[in-house]
Amino acid sequence: MKPIHIEGTDETPGIILDRNAGKFEVYGRSLPEDSAEFFEPILDWLNDYAIAPNPSTEFVFKLDYSNTASSKFIHEILKALQPIKGVKIVWYFHEDDEDMEEAGHEFAEQIDLPFEFKTYA
């Protein structure tokens, strides 16, 4: 499985999906002009990964901001991770960013996966 490494920009998040390194991360700002076009390859990769996943998968979200369209796809990413055994979500939020903290808790209520919440300065 070929890893996905996408550098973040002012409008798109950085993405690391690297099965061999055991690194799964979405970080930065997420407000792409065409969310479907941006996120579809990530969802396709995760669907392929779900066929033969690592024994454990720690998926990190460290978003500074996400728009409504991105939030829909974050939800889709989380749904794609649900059937995979051994998945844990680590949701980072800036220590004074109540919106991203609340978004993480809302996702945790909607998705049947263990969530860990961490702050950063």
C-alpha atoms as a PDB file:
ATOM      1  CA  MET A   1       0.000   0.000   0.000  1.00  0.00           C
ATOM      2  CA  LYS A   2       1.483   3.286  -1.085  1.00  0.00           C
ATOM      3  CA  PRO A   3       1.563   5.950   1.658  1.00  0.00           C
ATOM      4  CA  ILE A   4      -0.209   9.265   1.226  1.00  0.00           C
ATOM      5  CA  HIS A   5       1.758  12.338   2.270  1.00  0.00           C
ATOM      6  CA  ILE A   6       0.092  15.670   1.500  1.00  0.00           C
ATOM      7  CA  GLU A   7       1.660  18.885   2.713  1.00  0.00           C
ATOM      8  CA  GLY A   8      -0.808  21.243   4.340  1.00  0.00           C
ATOM      9  CA  THR A   9      -1.564  24.663   2.879  1.00  0.00           C
ATOM     10  CA  ASP A  10      -3.510  27.655   4.142  1.00  0.00           C
ATOM     11  CA  GLU A  11      -6.680  25.954   2.867  1.00  0.00           C
ATOM     12  CA  THR A  12      -6.009  22.219   2.977  1.00  0.00           C
ATOM     13  CA  PRO A  13      -4.885  20.016   5.841  1.00  0.00           C
ATOM     14  CA  GLY A  14      -1.711  18.014   5.900  1.00  0.00           C
ATOM     15  CA  ILE A  15      -2.375  14.297   5.571  1.00  0.00           C
ATOM     16  CA  ILE A  16      -0.122  11.405   6.502  1.00  0.00           C
ATOM     17  CA  LEU A  17      -1.403   7.897   5.890  1.00  0.00           C
ATOM     18  CA  ASP A  18       1.574   5.581   6.203  1.00  0.00           C
ATOM     19  CA  ARG A  19       0.791   2.005   7.113  1.00  0.00           C
ATOM     20  CA  ASN A  20       4.439   0.884   7.332  1.00  0.00           C
ATOM     21  CA  ALA A  21       5.414   3.747   9.643  1.00  0.00           C
ATOM     22  CA  GLY A  22       2.177   3.362  11.613  1.00  0.00           C
ATOM     23  CA  LYS A  23       1.453   7.070  11.181  1.00  0.00           C
ATOM     24  CA  PHE A  24      -2.063   8.305  10.453  1.00  0.00           C
ATOM     25  CA  GLU A  25      -2.615  12.023  10.825  1.00  0.00           C
ATOM     26  CA  VAL A  26      -4.767  14.923   9.616  1.00  0.00           C
ATOM     27  CA  TYR A  27      -3.492  18.326  10.739  1.00  0.00           C
ATOM     28  CA  GLY A  28      -3.705  22.056  10.080  1.00  0.00           C
ATOM     29  CA  ARG A  29      -6.544  24.029   8.507  1.00  0.00           C
ATOM     30  CA  SER A  30      -9.240  22.352   6.456  1.00  0.00           C
ATOM     31  CA  LEU A  31     -11.283  24.512   4.145  1.00  0.00           C
ATOM     32  CA  PRO A  32     -10.585  23.158   0.660  1.00  0.00           C
ATOM     33  CA  GLU A  33     -12.518  24.671  -2.213  1.00  0.00           C
ATOM     34  CA  ASP A  34     -13.729  21.212  -3.294  1.00  0.00           C
ATOM     35  CA  SER A  35     -13.853  19.014  -0.190  1.00  0.00           C
ATOM     36  CA  ALA A  36     -15.062  15.943  -2.077  1.00  0.00           C
ATOM     37  CA  GLU A  37     -12.184  16.101  -4.545  1.00  0.00           C
ATOM     38  CA  PHE A  38      -9.674  16.568  -1.716  1.00  0.00           C
ATOM     39  CA  PHE A  39     -10.981  13.885   0.645  1.00  0.00           C
ATOM     40  CA  GLU A  40     -12.113  11.118  -1.747  1.00  0.00           C
ATOM     41  CA  PRO A  41      -8.569   9.687  -2.243  1.00  0.00           C
ATOM     42  CA  ILE A  42      -8.160   9.587   1.551  1.00  0.00           C
ATOM     43  CA  LEU A  43     -11.424   7.693   1.969  1.00  0.00           C
ATOM     44  CA  ASP A  44     -10.424   5.296  -0.828  1.00  0.00           C
ATOM     45  CA  TRP A  45      -7.069   4.675   0.866  1.00  0.00           C
ATOM     46  CA  LEU A  46      -8.764   3.985   4.215  1.00  0.00           C
ATOM     47  CA  ASN A  47     -11.200   1.558   2.602  1.00  0.00           C
ATOM     48  CA  ASP A  48      -8.233  -0.341   1.141  1.00  0.00           C
ATOM     49  CA  TYR A  49      -6.424  -0.196   4.497  1.00  0.00           C
ATOM     50  CA  ALA A  50      -9.486  -1.658   6.259  1.00  0.00           C
ATOM     51  CA  ILE A  51      -9.064  -4.894   4.272  1.00  0.00           C
ATOM     52  CA  ALA A  52      -5.753  -5.702   6.010  1.00  0.00           C
ATOM     53  CA  PRO A  53      -5.035  -3.128   8.737  1.00  0.00           C
ATOM     54  CA  ASN A  54      -2.191  -2.987  11.223  1.00  0.00           C
ATOM     55  CA  PRO A  55      -2.909  -4.693  14.580  1.00  0.00           C
ATOM     56  CA  SER A  56      -3.393  -1.234  16.091  1.00  0.00           C
ATOM     57  CA  THR A  57      -4.036   2.135  14.508  1.00  0.00           C
ATOM     58  CA  GLU A  58      -3.692   5.463  16.278  1.00  0.00           C
ATOM     59  CA  PHE A  59      -5.313   8.100  14.085  1.00  0.00           C
ATOM     60  CA  VAL A  60      -4.413  11.676  15.023  1.00  0.00           C
ATOM     61  CA  PHE A  61      -6.499  14.740  14.264  1.00  0.00           C
ATOM     62  CA  LYS A  62      -4.755  18.027  15.025  1.00  0.00           C
ATOM     63  CA  LEU A  63      -6.875  20.588  13.234  1.00  0.00           C
ATOM     64  CA  ASP A  64      -6.745  24.325  13.836  1.00  0.00           C
ATOM     65  CA  TYR A  65      -9.923  24.883  11.853  1.00  0.00           C
ATOM     66  CA  SER A  66     -12.347  22.955   9.670  1.00  0.00           C
ATOM     67  CA  ASN A  67     -15.275  24.288   7.690  1.00  0.00           C
ATOM     68  CA  THR A  68     -18.669  22.569   7.491  1.00  0.00           C
ATOM     69  CA  ALA A  69     -17.845  20.636   4.312  1.00  0.00           C
ATOM     70  CA  SER A  70     -14.599  19.372   5.837  1.00  0.00           C
ATOM     71  CA  SER A  71     -16.408  18.316   9.000  1.00  0.00           C
ATOM     72  CA  LYS A  72     -18.667  16.124   6.882  1.00  0.00           C
ATOM     73  CA  PHE A  73     -15.620  14.356   5.448  1.00  0.00           C
ATOM     74  CA  ILE A  74     -13.944  14.076   8.840  1.00  0.00           C
ATOM     75  CA  HIS A  75     -17.101  12.270   9.910  1.00  0.00           C
ATOM     76  CA  GLU A  76     -16.766  10.026   6.829  1.00  0.00           C
ATOM     77  CA  ILE A  77     -13.127   9.283   7.725  1.00  0.00           C
ATOM     78  CA  LEU A  78     -14.182   8.319  11.243  1.00  0.00           C
ATOM     79  CA  LYS A  79     -16.955   6.098   9.868  1.00  0.00           C
ATOM     80  CA  ALA A  80     -14.425   4.379   7.585  1.00  0.00           C
ATOM     81  CA  LEU A  81     -12.254   3.661  10.635  1.00  0.00           C
ATOM     82  CA  GLN A  82     -15.092   2.162  12.725  1.00  0.00           C
ATOM     83  CA  PRO A  83     -14.935  -1.406  11.362  1.00  0.00           C
ATOM     84  CA  ILE A  84     -11.162  -1.612  11.858  1.00  0.00           C
ATOM     85  CA  LYS A  85     -10.141  -3.419  15.044  1.00  0.00           C
ATOM     86  CA  GLY A  86      -7.607  -1.684  17.283  1.00  0.00           C
ATOM     87  CA  VAL A  87      -8.311   1.903  16.183  1.00  0.00           C
ATOM     88  CA  LYS A  88      -7.949   4.779  18.610  1.00  0.00           C
ATOM     89  CA  ILE A  89      -8.605   8.425  17.745  1.00  0.00           C
ATOM     90  CA  VAL A  90      -6.390  11.088  19.307  1.00  0.00           C
ATOM     91  CA  TRP A  91      -8.075  14.474  18.975  1.00  0.00           C
ATOM     92  CA  TYR A  92      -5.775  17.424  19.623  1.00  0.00           C
ATOM     93  CA  PHE A  93      -7.075  20.929  20.101  1.00  0.00           C
ATOM     94  CA  HIS A  94      -5.413  24.192  21.041  1.00  0.00           C
ATOM     95  CA  GLU A  95      -5.835  24.721  24.768  1.00  0.00           C
ATOM     96  CA  ASP A  96      -8.072  27.758  24.261  1.00  0.00           C
ATOM     97  CA  ASP A  97      -9.992  26.506  21.194  1.00  0.00           C
ATOM     98  CA  GLU A  98     -13.393  25.524  22.536  1.00  0.00           C
ATOM     99  CA  ASP A  99     -14.828  25.035  19.030  1.00  0.00           C
ATOM    100  CA  MET A 100     -12.349  22.307  18.035  1.00  0.00           C
ATOM    101  CA  GLU A 101     -12.650  20.691  21.463  1.00  0.00           C
ATOM    102  CA  GLU A 102     -16.442  20.625  21.121  1.00  0.00           C
ATOM    103  CA  ALA A 103     -16.206  19.289  17.550  1.00  0.00           C
ATOM    104  CA  GLY A 104     -14.089  16.381  18.802  1.00  0.00           C
ATOM    105  CA  HIS A 105     -16.569  15.564  21.535  1.00  0.00           C
ATOM    106  CA  GLU A 106     -19.446  15.677  19.052  1.00  0.00           C
ATOM    107  CA  PHE A 107     -17.632  13.235  16.764  1.00  0.00           C
ATOM    108  CA  ALA A 108     -16.906  10.991  19.761  1.00  0.00           C
ATOM    109  CA  GLU A 109     -20.623  10.862  20.561  1.00  0.00           C
ATOM    110  CA  GLN A 110     -21.520   9.943  16.979  1.00  0.00           C
ATOM    111  CA  ILE A 111     -18.793   7.392  16.270  1.00  0.00           C
ATOM    112  CA  ASP A 112     -18.180   4.125  18.087  1.00  0.00           C
ATOM    113  CA  LEU A 113     -14.407   4.452  18.511  1.00  0.00           C
ATOM    114  CA  PRO A 114     -12.254   5.242  21.544  1.00  0.00           C
ATOM    115  CA  PHE A 115     -11.260   8.911  21.605  1.00  0.00           C
ATOM    116  CA  GLU A 116      -8.446  10.499  23.568  1.00  0.00           C
ATOM    117  CA  PHE A 117      -8.435  14.289  23.897  1.00  0.00           C
ATOM    118  CA  LYS A 118      -5.192  16.240  24.212  1.00  0.00           C
ATOM    119  CA  THR A 119      -4.408  19.915  24.307  1.00  0.00           C
ATOM    120  CA  TYR A 120      -1.419  21.774  22.932  1.00  0.00           C
ATOM    121  CA  ALA A 121      -0.194  25.346  23.361  1.00  0.00           C
END
